[in-house]
């Protein structure tokens, strides 16, 4: 497993028209990079020099860890019609948030809606 702060071991290109393309597009939040863990897409901030708090989402329209400066937009998307269930909480670090996302995915508790 490559942690968020480490250099990636590989990059994967998802081609338009592939089965994963629509899923990836729907999973990606603004100002974030999209990662995959055990086949589940999740978001991490594209900036690394951010201050806490961070918001960790394990169920909802988007899954991942989000910085406070985009949280209002993400939270709005979590509550749009058709996205009724969302599980989120604050964390003090991006690394801790990513660990919690991975744990939820391993336990099959993470799901995008």
PDB file of N, CA and C in Angstrom:
ATOM      1  N   UNK A   1       0.851  -1.165   0.000  1.00  0.00           N
ATOM      2  CA  UNK A   1       0.000   0.000   0.000  1.00  0.00           C
ATOM      3  C   UNK A   1       0.900   1.232   0.000  1.00  0.00           C
ATOM      4  N   UNK A   2       0.653   2.170  -0.886  1.00  0.00           N
ATOM      5  CA  UNK A   2       1.416   3.409  -0.935  1.00  0.00           C
ATOM      6  C   UNK A   2       0.665   4.482  -0.161  1.00  0.00           C
ATOM      7  N   UNK A   3       1.243   5.000   0.915  1.00  0.00           N
ATOM      8  CA  UNK A   3       0.565   6.070   1.645  1.00  0.00           C
ATOM      9  C   UNK A   3       0.488   7.341   0.809  1.00  0.00           C
ATOM     10  N   UNK A   4      -0.444   8.185   1.145  1.00  0.00           N
ATOM     11  CA  UNK A   4      -0.700   9.436   0.439  1.00  0.00           C
ATOM     12  C   UNK A   4       0.554  10.293   0.319  1.00  0.00           C
ATOM     13  N   UNK A   5       1.349  10.400   1.368  1.00  0.00           N
ATOM     14  CA  UNK A   5       2.509  11.287   1.369  1.00  0.00           C
ATOM     15  C   UNK A   5       3.707  10.691   0.632  1.00  0.00           C
ATOM     16  N   UNK A   6       3.690   9.424   0.296  1.00  0.00           N
ATOM     17  CA  UNK A   6       4.807   8.776  -0.396  1.00  0.00           C
ATOM     18  C   UNK A   6       4.662   8.964  -1.904  1.00  0.00           C
ATOM     19  N   UNK A   7       5.738   8.750  -2.591  1.00  0.00           N
ATOM     20  CA  UNK A   7       5.674   8.768  -4.051  1.00  0.00           C
ATOM     21  C   UNK A   7       4.916   7.522  -4.515  1.00  0.00           C
ATOM     22  N   UNK A   8       4.025   7.658  -5.471  1.00  0.00           N
ATOM     23  CA  UNK A   8       3.257   6.491  -5.925  1.00  0.00           C
ATOM     24  C   UNK A   8       4.146   5.454  -6.594  1.00  0.00           C
ATOM     25  N   UNK A   9       3.779   4.202  -6.396  1.00  0.00           N
ATOM     26  CA  UNK A   9       4.507   3.112  -7.031  1.00  0.00           C
ATOM     27  C   UNK A   9       4.149   3.002  -8.503  1.00  0.00           C
ATOM     28  N   UNK A  10       2.941   3.396  -8.838  1.00  0.00           N
ATOM     29  CA  UNK A  10       2.517   3.348 -10.228  1.00  0.00           C
ATOM     30  C   UNK A  10       1.372   4.322 -10.444  1.00  0.00           C
ATOM     31  N   UNK A  11       1.220   4.746 -11.659  1.00  0.00           N
ATOM     32  CA  UNK A  11       0.088   5.565 -12.056  1.00  0.00           C
ATOM     33  C   UNK A  11      -0.792   4.710 -12.957  1.00  0.00           C
ATOM     34  N   UNK A  12      -2.081   4.868 -12.805  1.00  0.00           N
ATOM     35  CA  UNK A  12      -3.023   4.120 -13.629  1.00  0.00           C
ATOM     36  C   UNK A  12      -3.830   5.122 -14.437  1.00  0.00           C
ATOM     37  N   UNK A  13      -3.935   4.885 -15.711  1.00  0.00           N
ATOM     38  CA  UNK A  13      -4.741   5.728 -16.586  1.00  0.00           C
ATOM     39  C   UNK A  13      -6.076   5.040 -16.819  1.00  0.00           C
ATOM     40  N   UNK A  14      -7.140   5.787 -16.605  1.00  0.00           N
ATOM     41  CA  UNK A  14      -8.485   5.273 -16.858  1.00  0.00           C
ATOM     42  C   UNK A  14      -8.959   5.931 -18.149  1.00  0.00           C
ATOM     43  N   UNK A  15      -9.218   5.131 -19.151  1.00  0.00           N
ATOM     44  CA  UNK A  15      -9.574   5.650 -20.474  1.00  0.00           C
ATOM     45  C   UNK A  15     -11.076   5.884 -20.601  1.00  0.00           C
ATOM     46  N   UNK A  16     -11.411   6.982 -21.275  1.00  0.00           N
ATOM     47  CA  UNK A  16     -12.811   7.289 -21.531  1.00  0.00           C
ATOM     48  C   UNK A  16     -13.447   6.125 -22.283  1.00  0.00           C
ATOM     49  N   UNK A  17     -14.629   5.735 -21.839  1.00  0.00           N
ATOM     50  CA  UNK A  17     -15.320   4.608 -22.448  1.00  0.00           C
ATOM     51  C   UNK A  17     -15.092   3.297 -21.711  1.00  0.00           C
ATOM     52  N   UNK A  18     -14.088   3.258 -20.828  1.00  0.00           N
ATOM     53  CA  UNK A  18     -13.843   2.033 -20.062  1.00  0.00           C
ATOM     54  C   UNK A  18     -14.865   1.922 -18.932  1.00  0.00           C
ATOM     55  N   UNK A  19     -14.973   0.747 -18.357  1.00  0.00           N
ATOM     56  CA  UNK A  19     -15.917   0.522 -17.259  1.00  0.00           C
ATOM     57  C   UNK A  19     -15.612   1.405 -16.060  1.00  0.00           C
ATOM     58  N   UNK A  20     -14.332   1.664 -15.805  1.00  0.00           N
ATOM     59  CA  UNK A  20     -13.934   2.434 -14.636  1.00  0.00           C
ATOM     60  C   UNK A  20     -14.079   3.940 -14.833  1.00  0.00           C
ATOM     61  N   UNK A  21     -14.189   4.402 -16.074  1.00  0.00           N
ATOM     62  CA  UNK A  21     -14.158   5.837 -16.346  1.00  0.00           C
ATOM     63  C   UNK A  21     -15.291   6.585 -15.645  1.00  0.00           C
ATOM     64  N   UNK A  22     -16.523   6.158 -15.848  1.00  0.00           N
ATOM     65  CA  UNK A  22     -17.658   6.857 -15.236  1.00  0.00           C
ATOM     66  C   UNK A  22     -17.574   6.806 -13.715  1.00  0.00           C
ATOM     67  N   UNK A  23     -17.170   5.664 -13.185  1.00  0.00           N
ATOM     68  CA  UNK A  23     -17.021   5.539 -11.736  1.00  0.00           C
ATOM     69  C   UNK A  23     -15.962   6.509 -11.215  1.00  0.00           C
ATOM     70  N   UNK A  24     -14.842   6.624 -11.920  1.00  0.00           N
ATOM     71  CA  UNK A  24     -13.774   7.537 -11.508  1.00  0.00           C
ATOM     72  C   UNK A  24     -14.238   8.991 -11.582  1.00  0.00           C
ATOM     73  N   UNK A  25     -14.912   9.355 -12.661  1.00  0.00           N
ATOM     74  CA  UNK A  25     -15.403  10.728 -12.809  1.00  0.00           C
ATOM     75  C   UNK A  25     -16.381  11.066 -11.693  1.00  0.00           C
ATOM     76  N   UNK A  26     -17.284  10.163 -11.379  1.00  0.00           N
ATOM     77  CA  UNK A  26     -18.272  10.409 -10.327  1.00  0.00           C
ATOM     78  C   UNK A  26     -17.656  10.441  -8.937  1.00  0.00           C
ATOM     79  N   UNK A  27     -16.522   9.784  -8.753  1.00  0.00           N
ATOM     80  CA  UNK A  27     -15.883   9.712  -7.440  1.00  0.00           C
ATOM     81  C   UNK A  27     -14.961  10.889  -7.158  1.00  0.00           C
ATOM     82  N   UNK A  28     -14.547  11.633  -8.179  1.00  0.00           N
ATOM     83  CA  UNK A  28     -13.519  12.664  -8.011  1.00  0.00           C
ATOM     84  C   UNK A  28     -14.104  13.996  -7.558  1.00  0.00           C
ATOM     85  N   UNK A  29     -13.551  14.516  -6.465  1.00  0.00           N
ATOM     86  CA  UNK A  29     -13.948  15.822  -5.947  1.00  0.00           C
ATOM     87  C   UNK A  29     -12.974  16.894  -6.443  1.00  0.00           C
ATOM     88  N   UNK A  30     -13.413  18.142  -6.408  1.00  0.00           N
ATOM     89  CA  UNK A  30     -12.561  19.262  -6.828  1.00  0.00           C
ATOM     90  C   UNK A  30     -11.359  19.388  -5.901  1.00  0.00           C
ATOM     91  N   UNK A  31     -10.247  19.827  -6.464  1.00  0.00           N
ATOM     92  CA  UNK A  31      -9.001  20.082  -5.742  1.00  0.00           C
ATOM     93  C   UNK A  31      -8.445  18.836  -5.049  1.00  0.00           C
ATOM     94  N   UNK A  32      -8.743  17.669  -5.596  1.00  0.00           N
ATOM     95  CA  UNK A  32      -8.265  16.416  -5.014  1.00  0.00           C
ATOM     96  C   UNK A  32      -7.650  15.530  -6.092  1.00  0.00           C
ATOM     97  N   UNK A  33      -6.780  14.645  -5.649  1.00  0.00           N
ATOM     98  CA  UNK A  33      -6.300  13.558  -6.488  1.00  0.00           C
ATOM     99  C   UNK A  33      -7.127  12.336  -6.136  1.00  0.00           C
ATOM    100  N   UNK A  34      -7.340  11.478  -7.099  1.00  0.00           N
ATOM    101  CA  UNK A  34      -8.120  10.267  -6.892  1.00  0.00           C
ATOM    102  C   UNK A  34      -7.179   9.084  -6.734  1.00  0.00           C
ATOM    103  N   UNK A  35      -7.396   8.310  -5.697  1.00  0.00           N
ATOM    104  CA  UNK A  35      -6.610   7.111  -5.413  1.00  0.00           C
ATOM    105  C   UNK A  35      -7.547   5.909  -5.438  1.00  0.00           C
ATOM    106  N   UNK A  36      -6.978   4.725  -5.534  1.00  0.00           N
ATOM    107  CA  UNK A  36      -7.764   3.497  -5.497  1.00  0.00           C
ATOM    108  C   UNK A  36      -7.148   2.559  -4.476  1.00  0.00           C
ATOM    109  N   UNK A  37      -8.000   1.987  -3.643  1.00  0.00           N
ATOM    110  CA  UNK A  37      -7.561   1.010  -2.652  1.00  0.00           C
ATOM    111  C   UNK A  37      -8.564  -0.133  -2.677  1.00  0.00           C
ATOM    112  N   UNK A  38      -8.102  -1.327  -2.958  1.00  0.00           N
ATOM    113  CA  UNK A  38      -8.948  -2.519  -3.067  1.00  0.00           C
ATOM    114  C   UNK A  38     -10.145  -2.270  -3.994  1.00  0.00           C
ATOM    115  N   UNK A  39      -9.890  -1.543  -5.070  1.00  0.00           N
ATOM    116  CA  UNK A  39     -10.920  -1.299  -6.073  1.00  0.00           C
ATOM    117  C   UNK A  39     -11.891  -0.179  -5.758  1.00  0.00           C
ATOM    118  N   UNK A  40     -11.693   0.532  -4.643  1.00  0.00           N
ATOM    119  CA  UNK A  40     -12.570   1.636  -4.252  1.00  0.00           C
ATOM    120  C   UNK A  40     -11.817   2.947  -4.462  1.00  0.00           C
ATOM    121  N   UNK A  41     -12.426   3.881  -5.179  1.00  0.00           N
ATOM    122  CA  UNK A  41     -11.818   5.192  -5.381  1.00  0.00           C
ATOM    123  C   UNK A  41     -12.035   6.066  -4.152  1.00  0.00           C
ATOM    124  N   UNK A  42     -11.002   6.845  -3.797  1.00  0.00           N
ATOM    125  CA  UNK A  42     -11.141   7.827  -2.721  1.00  0.00           C
ATOM    126  C   UNK A  42     -10.290   9.047  -3.042  1.00  0.00           C
ATOM    127  N   UNK A  43     -10.639  10.172  -2.422  1.00  0.00           N
ATOM    128  CA  UNK A  43     -10.002  11.462  -2.674  1.00  0.00           C
ATOM    129  C   UNK A  43      -9.024  11.835  -1.571  1.00  0.00           C
ATOM    130  N   UNK A  44      -7.948  12.494  -1.981  1.00  0.00           N
ATOM    131  CA  UNK A  44      -7.003  13.125  -1.062  1.00  0.00           C
ATOM    132  C   UNK A  44      -6.677  14.490  -1.659  1.00  0.00           C
ATOM    133  N   UNK A  45      -6.410  15.497  -0.824  1.00  0.00           N
ATOM    134  CA  UNK A  45      -6.150  16.847  -1.336  1.00  0.00           C
ATOM    135  C   UNK A  45      -4.968  16.886  -2.302  1.00  0.00           C
ATOM    136  N   UNK A  46      -5.085  17.737  -3.311  1.00  0.00           N
ATOM    137  CA  UNK A  46      -3.981  17.900  -4.256  1.00  0.00           C
ATOM    138  C   UNK A  46      -2.855  18.736  -3.653  1.00  0.00           C
ATOM    139  N   UNK A  47      -3.142  19.517  -2.625  1.00  0.00           N
ATOM    140  CA  UNK A  47      -2.122  20.266  -1.891  1.00  0.00           C
ATOM    141  C   UNK A  47      -1.709  19.469  -0.663  1.00  0.00           C
ATOM    142  N   UNK A  48      -0.437  19.576  -0.294  1.00  0.00           N
ATOM    143  CA  UNK A  48       0.031  18.822   0.871  1.00  0.00           C
ATOM    144  C   UNK A  48       0.343  19.699   2.076  1.00  0.00           C
ATOM    145  N   UNK A  49       0.456  20.990   1.913  1.00  0.00           N
ATOM    146  CA  UNK A  49       0.838  21.883   3.012  1.00  0.00           C
ATOM    147  C   UNK A  49      -0.387  22.534   3.651  1.00  0.00           C
ATOM    148  N   UNK A  50      -1.364  21.740   3.994  1.00  0.00           N
ATOM    149  CA  UNK A  50      -2.629  22.236   4.524  1.00  0.00           C
ATOM    150  C   UNK A  50      -2.693  22.055   6.036  1.00  0.00           C
ATOM    151  N   UNK A  51      -3.467  22.912   6.667  1.00  0.00           N
ATOM    152  CA  UNK A  51      -3.648  22.867   8.116  1.00  0.00           C
ATOM    153  C   UNK A  51      -4.940  22.127   8.467  1.00  0.00           C
ATOM    154  N   UNK A  52      -4.941  21.422   9.612  1.00  0.00           N
ATOM    155  CA  UNK A  52      -6.175  20.775  10.064  1.00  0.00           C
ATOM    156  C   UNK A  52      -7.201  21.839  10.477  1.00  0.00           C
ATOM    157  N   UNK A  53      -8.439  21.455  10.632  1.00  0.00           N
ATOM    158  CA  UNK A  53      -8.953  20.097  10.602  1.00  0.00           C
ATOM    159  C   UNK A  53      -9.183  19.611   9.174  1.00  0.00           C
ATOM    160  N   UNK A  54      -9.271  18.300   9.046  1.00  0.00           N
ATOM    161  CA  UNK A  54      -9.619  17.648   7.795  1.00  0.00           C
ATOM    162  C   UNK A  54     -10.897  16.858   8.037  1.00  0.00           C
ATOM    163  N   UNK A  55     -11.632  16.623   6.992  1.00  0.00           N
ATOM    164  CA  UNK A  55     -12.899  15.907   7.099  1.00  0.00           C
ATOM    165  C   UNK A  55     -12.774  14.583   6.362  1.00  0.00           C
ATOM    166  N   UNK A  56     -13.003  13.514   7.083  1.00  0.00           N
ATOM    167  CA  UNK A  56     -12.856  12.160   6.562  1.00  0.00           C
ATOM    168  C   UNK A  56     -14.254  11.619   6.254  1.00  0.00           C
ATOM    169  N   UNK A  57     -14.478  11.236   5.012  1.00  0.00           N
ATOM    170  CA  UNK A  57     -15.779  10.721   4.577  1.00  0.00           C
ATOM    171  C   UNK A  57     -15.599   9.265   4.170  1.00  0.00           C
ATOM    172  N   UNK A  58     -16.350   8.371   4.809  1.00  0.00           N
ATOM    173  CA  UNK A  58     -16.264   6.950   4.467  1.00  0.00           C
ATOM    174  C   UNK A  58     -17.513   6.448   3.749  1.00  0.00           C
ATOM    175  N   UNK A  59     -18.587   7.233   3.760  1.00  0.00           N
ATOM    176  CA  UNK A  59     -19.785   6.909   2.985  1.00  0.00           C
ATOM    177  C   UNK A  59     -20.378   8.203   2.480  1.00  0.00           C
ATOM    178  N   UNK A  60     -20.771   8.223   1.220  1.00  0.00           N
ATOM    179  CA  UNK A  60     -21.389   9.412   0.655  1.00  0.00           C
ATOM    180  C   UNK A  60     -21.054   9.550  -0.815  1.00  0.00           C
ATOM    181  N   UNK A  61     -21.400  10.681  -1.368  1.00  0.00           N
ATOM    182  CA  UNK A  61     -21.146  10.978  -2.787  1.00  0.00           C
ATOM    183  C   UNK A  61     -19.658  10.881  -3.094  1.00  0.00           C
ATOM    184  N   UNK A  62     -18.825  11.391  -2.184  1.00  0.00           N
ATOM    185  CA  UNK A  62     -17.373  11.301  -2.287  1.00  0.00           C
ATOM    186  C   UNK A  62     -16.834  10.573  -1.071  1.00  0.00           C
ATOM    187  N   UNK A  63     -15.773   9.802  -1.261  1.00  0.00           N
ATOM    188  CA  UNK A  63     -15.060   9.149  -0.165  1.00  0.00           C
ATOM    189  C   UNK A  63     -13.667   9.755  -0.134  1.00  0.00           C
ATOM    190  N   UNK A  64     -13.132   9.951   1.064  1.00  0.00           N
ATOM    191  CA  UNK A  64     -11.769  10.447   1.165  1.00  0.00           C
ATOM    192  C   UNK A  64     -11.586  11.412   2.305  1.00  0.00           C
ATOM    193  N   UNK A  65     -10.483  12.157   2.225  1.00  0.00           N
ATOM    194  CA  UNK A  65     -10.131  13.137   3.249  1.00  0.00           C
ATOM    195  C   UNK A  65     -10.080  14.499   2.561  1.00  0.00           C
ATOM    196  N   UNK A  66     -10.776  15.472   3.152  1.00  0.00           N
ATOM    197  CA  UNK A  66     -10.947  16.768   2.509  1.00  0.00           C
ATOM    198  C   UNK A  66     -10.497  17.892   3.429  1.00  0.00           C
ATOM    199  N   UNK A  67      -9.801  18.893   2.874  1.00  0.00           N
ATOM    200  CA  UNK A  67      -9.374  20.032   3.680  1.00  0.00           C
ATOM    201  C   UNK A  67     -10.554  20.954   3.984  1.00  0.00           C
ATOM    202  N   UNK A  68     -10.407  21.742   5.038  1.00  0.00           N
ATOM    203  CA  UNK A  68     -11.510  22.597   5.477  1.00  0.00           C
ATOM    204  C   UNK A  68     -11.909  23.635   4.430  1.00  0.00           C
ATOM    205  N   UNK A  69     -10.968  24.098   3.590  1.00  0.00           N
ATOM    206  CA  UNK A  69     -11.322  25.161   2.637  1.00  0.00           C
ATOM    207  C   UNK A  69     -12.247  24.680   1.509  1.00  0.00           C
ATOM    208  N   UNK A  70     -12.400  23.383   1.303  1.00  0.00           N
ATOM    209  CA  UNK A  70     -13.374  22.899   0.303  1.00  0.00           C
ATOM    210  C   UNK A  70     -14.517  22.116   0.955  1.00  0.00           C
ATOM    211  N   UNK A  71     -14.499  22.014   2.284  1.00  0.00           N
ATOM    212  CA  UNK A  71     -15.461  21.171   2.979  1.00  0.00           C
ATOM    213  C   UNK A  71     -16.910  21.582   2.715  1.00  0.00           C
ATOM    214  N   UNK A  72     -17.218  22.863   2.688  1.00  0.00           N
ATOM    215  CA  UNK A  72     -18.608  23.277   2.470  1.00  0.00           C
ATOM    216  C   UNK A  72     -19.158  22.734   1.151  1.00  0.00           C
ATOM    217  N   UNK A  73     -18.360  22.778   0.093  1.00  0.00           N
ATOM    218  CA  UNK A  73     -18.790  22.242  -1.200  1.00  0.00           C
ATOM    219  C   UNK A  73     -18.964  20.738  -1.175  1.00  0.00           C
ATOM    220  N   UNK A  74     -18.034  20.045  -0.525  1.00  0.00           N
ATOM    221  CA  UNK A  74     -18.125  18.583  -0.413  1.00  0.00           C
ATOM    222  C   UNK A  74     -19.351  18.211   0.414  1.00  0.00           C
ATOM    223  N   UNK A  75     -19.536  18.900   1.535  1.00  0.00           N
ATOM    224  CA  UNK A  75     -20.674  18.608   2.413  1.00  0.00           C
ATOM    225  C   UNK A  75     -21.998  18.829   1.676  1.00  0.00           C
ATOM    226  N   UNK A  76     -22.064  19.879   0.857  1.00  0.00           N
ATOM    227  CA  UNK A  76     -23.266  20.126   0.061  1.00  0.00           C
ATOM    228  C   UNK A  76     -23.535  18.957  -0.879  1.00  0.00           C
ATOM    229  N   UNK A  77     -22.496  18.460  -1.544  1.00  0.00           N
ATOM    230  CA  UNK A  77     -22.643  17.322  -2.463  1.00  0.00           C
ATOM    231  C   UNK A  77     -23.076  16.056  -1.727  1.00  0.00           C
ATOM    232  N   UNK A  78     -22.638  15.903  -0.482  1.00  0.00           N
ATOM    233  CA  UNK A  78     -23.034  14.724   0.295  1.00  0.00           C
ATOM    234  C   UNK A  78     -24.531  14.720   0.563  1.00  0.00           C
ATOM    235  N   UNK A  79     -25.146  15.894   0.574  1.00  0.00           N
ATOM    236  CA  UNK A  79     -26.559  16.016   0.936  1.00  0.00           C
ATOM    237  C   UNK A  79     -27.488  16.220  -0.252  1.00  0.00           C
ATOM    238  N   UNK A  80     -26.993  16.085  -1.458  1.00  0.00           N
ATOM    239  CA  UNK A  80     -27.859  16.278  -2.616  1.00  0.00           C
ATOM    240  C   UNK A  80     -28.857  15.128  -2.725  1.00  0.00           C
ATOM    241  N   UNK A  81     -29.999  15.345  -3.392  1.00  0.00           N
ATOM    242  CA  UNK A  81     -30.992  14.273  -3.534  1.00  0.00           C
ATOM    243  C   UNK A  81     -30.369  13.011  -4.124  1.00  0.00           C
ATOM    244  N   UNK A  82     -30.756  11.899  -3.577  1.00  0.00           N
ATOM    245  CA  UNK A  82     -30.209  10.621  -4.023  1.00  0.00           C
ATOM    246  C   UNK A  82     -28.972  10.206  -3.242  1.00  0.00           C
ATOM    247  N   UNK A  83     -28.408  11.125  -2.477  1.00  0.00           N
ATOM    248  CA  UNK A  83     -27.240  10.836  -1.636  1.00  0.00           C
ATOM    249  C   UNK A  83     -27.643  11.058  -0.180  1.00  0.00           C
ATOM    250  N   UNK A  84     -28.500  10.204   0.313  1.00  0.00           N
ATOM    251  CA  UNK A  84     -29.101  10.412   1.625  1.00  0.00           C
ATOM    252  C   UNK A  84     -28.199  10.031   2.782  1.00  0.00           C
ATOM    253  N   UNK A  85     -27.345   9.052   2.611  1.00  0.00           N
ATOM    254  CA  UNK A  85     -26.529   8.567   3.717  1.00  0.00           C
ATOM    255  C   UNK A  85     -25.100   9.049   3.533  1.00  0.00           C
ATOM    256  N   UNK A  86     -24.560   9.670   4.569  1.00  0.00           N
ATOM    257  CA  UNK A  86     -23.157  10.078   4.546  1.00  0.00           C
ATOM    258  C   UNK A  86     -22.580   9.852   5.935  1.00  0.00           C
ATOM    259  N   UNK A  87     -21.357   9.347   5.982  1.00  0.00           N
ATOM    260  CA  UNK A  87     -20.643   9.169   7.239  1.00  0.00           C
ATOM    261  C   UNK A  87     -19.363   9.974   7.140  1.00  0.00           C
ATOM    262  N   UNK A  88     -19.199  10.943   8.045  1.00  0.00           N
ATOM    263  CA  UNK A  88     -17.993  11.766   8.035  1.00  0.00           C
ATOM    264  C   UNK A  88     -17.665  12.232   9.447  1.00  0.00           C
ATOM    265  N   UNK A  89     -16.402  12.586   9.651  1.00  0.00           N
ATOM    266  CA  UNK A  89     -15.903  13.035  10.950  1.00  0.00           C
ATOM    267  C   UNK A  89     -14.607  13.801  10.713  1.00  0.00           C
ATOM    268  N   UNK A  90     -14.153  14.542  11.720  1.00  0.00           N
ATOM    269  CA  UNK A  90     -12.915  15.308  11.570  1.00  0.00           C
ATOM    270  C   UNK A  90     -11.721  14.481  12.029  1.00  0.00           C
ATOM    271  N   UNK A  91     -10.581  14.777  11.409  1.00  0.00           N
ATOM    272  CA  UNK A  91      -9.304  14.173  11.802  1.00  0.00           C
ATOM    273  C   UNK A  91      -8.258  15.282  11.814  1.00  0.00           C
ATOM    274  N   UNK A  92      -7.171  15.053  12.561  1.00  0.00           N
ATOM    275  CA  UNK A  92      -6.126  16.071  12.717  1.00  0.00           C
ATOM    276  C   UNK A  92      -5.020  15.973  11.674  1.00  0.00           C
ATOM    277  N   UNK A  93      -4.961  14.878  10.915  1.00  0.00           N
ATOM    278  CA  UNK A  93      -3.901  14.764   9.908  1.00  0.00           C
ATOM    279  C   UNK A  93      -4.410  14.011   8.683  1.00  0.00           C
ATOM    280  N   UNK A  94      -3.781  14.291   7.553  1.00  0.00           N
ATOM    281  CA  UNK A  94      -4.129  13.599   6.315  1.00  0.00           C
ATOM    282  C   UNK A  94      -3.776  12.121   6.394  1.00  0.00           C
ATOM    283  N   UNK A  95      -2.644  11.821   7.017  1.00  0.00           N
ATOM    284  CA  UNK A  95      -2.214  10.420   7.136  1.00  0.00           C
ATOM    285  C   UNK A  95      -3.222   9.629   7.965  1.00  0.00           C
ATOM    286  N   UNK A  96      -3.641  10.178   9.097  1.00  0.00           N
ATOM    287  CA  UNK A  96      -4.635   9.496   9.935  1.00  0.00           C
ATOM    288  C   UNK A  96      -5.953   9.336   9.176  1.00  0.00           C
ATOM    289  N   UNK A  97      -6.362  10.363   8.457  1.00  0.00           N
ATOM    290  CA  UNK A  97      -7.595  10.267   7.674  1.00  0.00           C
ATOM    291  C   UNK A  97      -7.522   9.180   6.624  1.00  0.00           C
ATOM    292  N   UNK A  98      -6.379   9.100   5.924  1.00  0.00           N
ATOM    293  CA  UNK A  98      -6.232   8.057   4.907  1.00  0.00           C
ATOM    294  C   UNK A  98      -6.245   6.672   5.544  1.00  0.00           C
ATOM    295  N   UNK A  99      -5.631   6.528   6.713  1.00  0.00           N
ATOM    296  CA  UNK A  99      -5.664   5.234   7.408  1.00  0.00           C
ATOM    297  C   UNK A  99      -7.100   4.839   7.739  1.00  0.00           C
ATOM    298  N   UNK A 100      -7.903   5.795   8.167  1.00  0.00           N
ATOM    299  CA  UNK A 100      -9.302   5.509   8.499  1.00  0.00           C
ATOM    300  C   UNK A 100     -10.118   5.146   7.251  1.00  0.00           C
ATOM    301  N   UNK A 101      -9.830   5.806   6.135  1.00  0.00           N
ATOM    302  CA  UNK A 101     -10.503   5.455   4.875  1.00  0.00           C
ATOM    303  C   UNK A 101     -10.130   4.027   4.477  1.00  0.00           C
ATOM    304  N   UNK A 102      -8.839   3.697   4.541  1.00  0.00           N
ATOM    305  CA  UNK A 102      -8.397   2.335   4.199  1.00  0.00           C
ATOM    306  C   UNK A 102      -9.051   1.304   5.121  1.00  0.00           C
ATOM    307  N   UNK A 103      -9.121   1.604   6.404  1.00  0.00           N
ATOM    308  CA  UNK A 103      -9.752   0.672   7.353  1.00  0.00           C
ATOM    309  C   UNK A 103     -11.223   0.458   6.992  1.00  0.00           C
ATOM    310  N   UNK A 104     -11.929   1.528   6.675  1.00  0.00           N
ATOM    311  CA  UNK A 104     -13.345   1.400   6.292  1.00  0.00           C
ATOM    312  C   UNK A 104     -13.488   0.573   5.018  1.00  0.00           C
ATOM    313  N   UNK A 105     -12.579   0.755   4.070  1.00  0.00           N
ATOM    314  CA  UNK A 105     -12.627  -0.031   2.832  1.00  0.00           C
ATOM    315  C   UNK A 105     -12.362  -1.505   3.134  1.00  0.00           C
ATOM    316  N   UNK A 106     -11.345  -1.785   3.940  1.00  0.00           N
ATOM    317  CA  UNK A 106     -11.035  -3.186   4.286  1.00  0.00           C
ATOM    318  C   UNK A 106     -12.208  -3.859   4.988  1.00  0.00           C
ATOM    319  N   UNK A 107     -12.888  -3.124   5.834  1.00  0.00           N
ATOM    320  CA  UNK A 107     -14.033  -3.683   6.580  1.00  0.00           C
ATOM    321  C   UNK A 107     -15.330  -3.615   5.780  1.00  0.00           C
ATOM    322  N   UNK A 108     -15.211  -3.171   4.545  1.00  0.00           N
ATOM    323  CA  UNK A 108     -16.358  -3.036   3.644  1.00  0.00           C
ATOM    324  C   UNK A 108     -17.418  -2.073   4.187  1.00  0.00           C
ATOM    325  N   UNK A 109     -16.951  -1.049   4.907  1.00  0.00           N
ATOM    326  CA  UNK A 109     -17.847  -0.028   5.434  1.00  0.00           C
ATOM    327  C   UNK A 109     -17.854   1.223   4.568  1.00  0.00           C
ATOM    328  N   UNK A 110     -16.898   1.319   3.646  1.00  0.00           N
ATOM    329  CA  UNK A 110     -16.814   2.496   2.775  1.00  0.00           C
ATOM    330  C   UNK A 110     -17.632   2.257   1.519  1.00  0.00           C
ATOM    331  N   UNK A 111     -18.405   3.262   1.150  1.00  0.00           N
ATOM    332  CA  UNK A 111     -19.209   3.141  -0.068  1.00  0.00           C
ATOM    333  C   UNK A 111     -19.549   4.519  -0.582  1.00  0.00           C
ATOM    334  N   UNK A 112     -19.432   4.697  -1.887  1.00  0.00           N
ATOM    335  CA  UNK A 112     -19.910   5.942  -2.489  1.00  0.00           C
ATOM    336  C   UNK A 112     -21.375   5.738  -2.839  1.00  0.00           C
ATOM    337  N   UNK A 113     -22.121   6.788  -2.755  1.00  0.00           N
ATOM    338  CA  UNK A 113     -23.569   6.707  -2.990  1.00  0.00           C
ATOM    339  C   UNK A 113     -23.953   7.584  -4.152  1.00  0.00           C
TER     340      UNK A 113
END
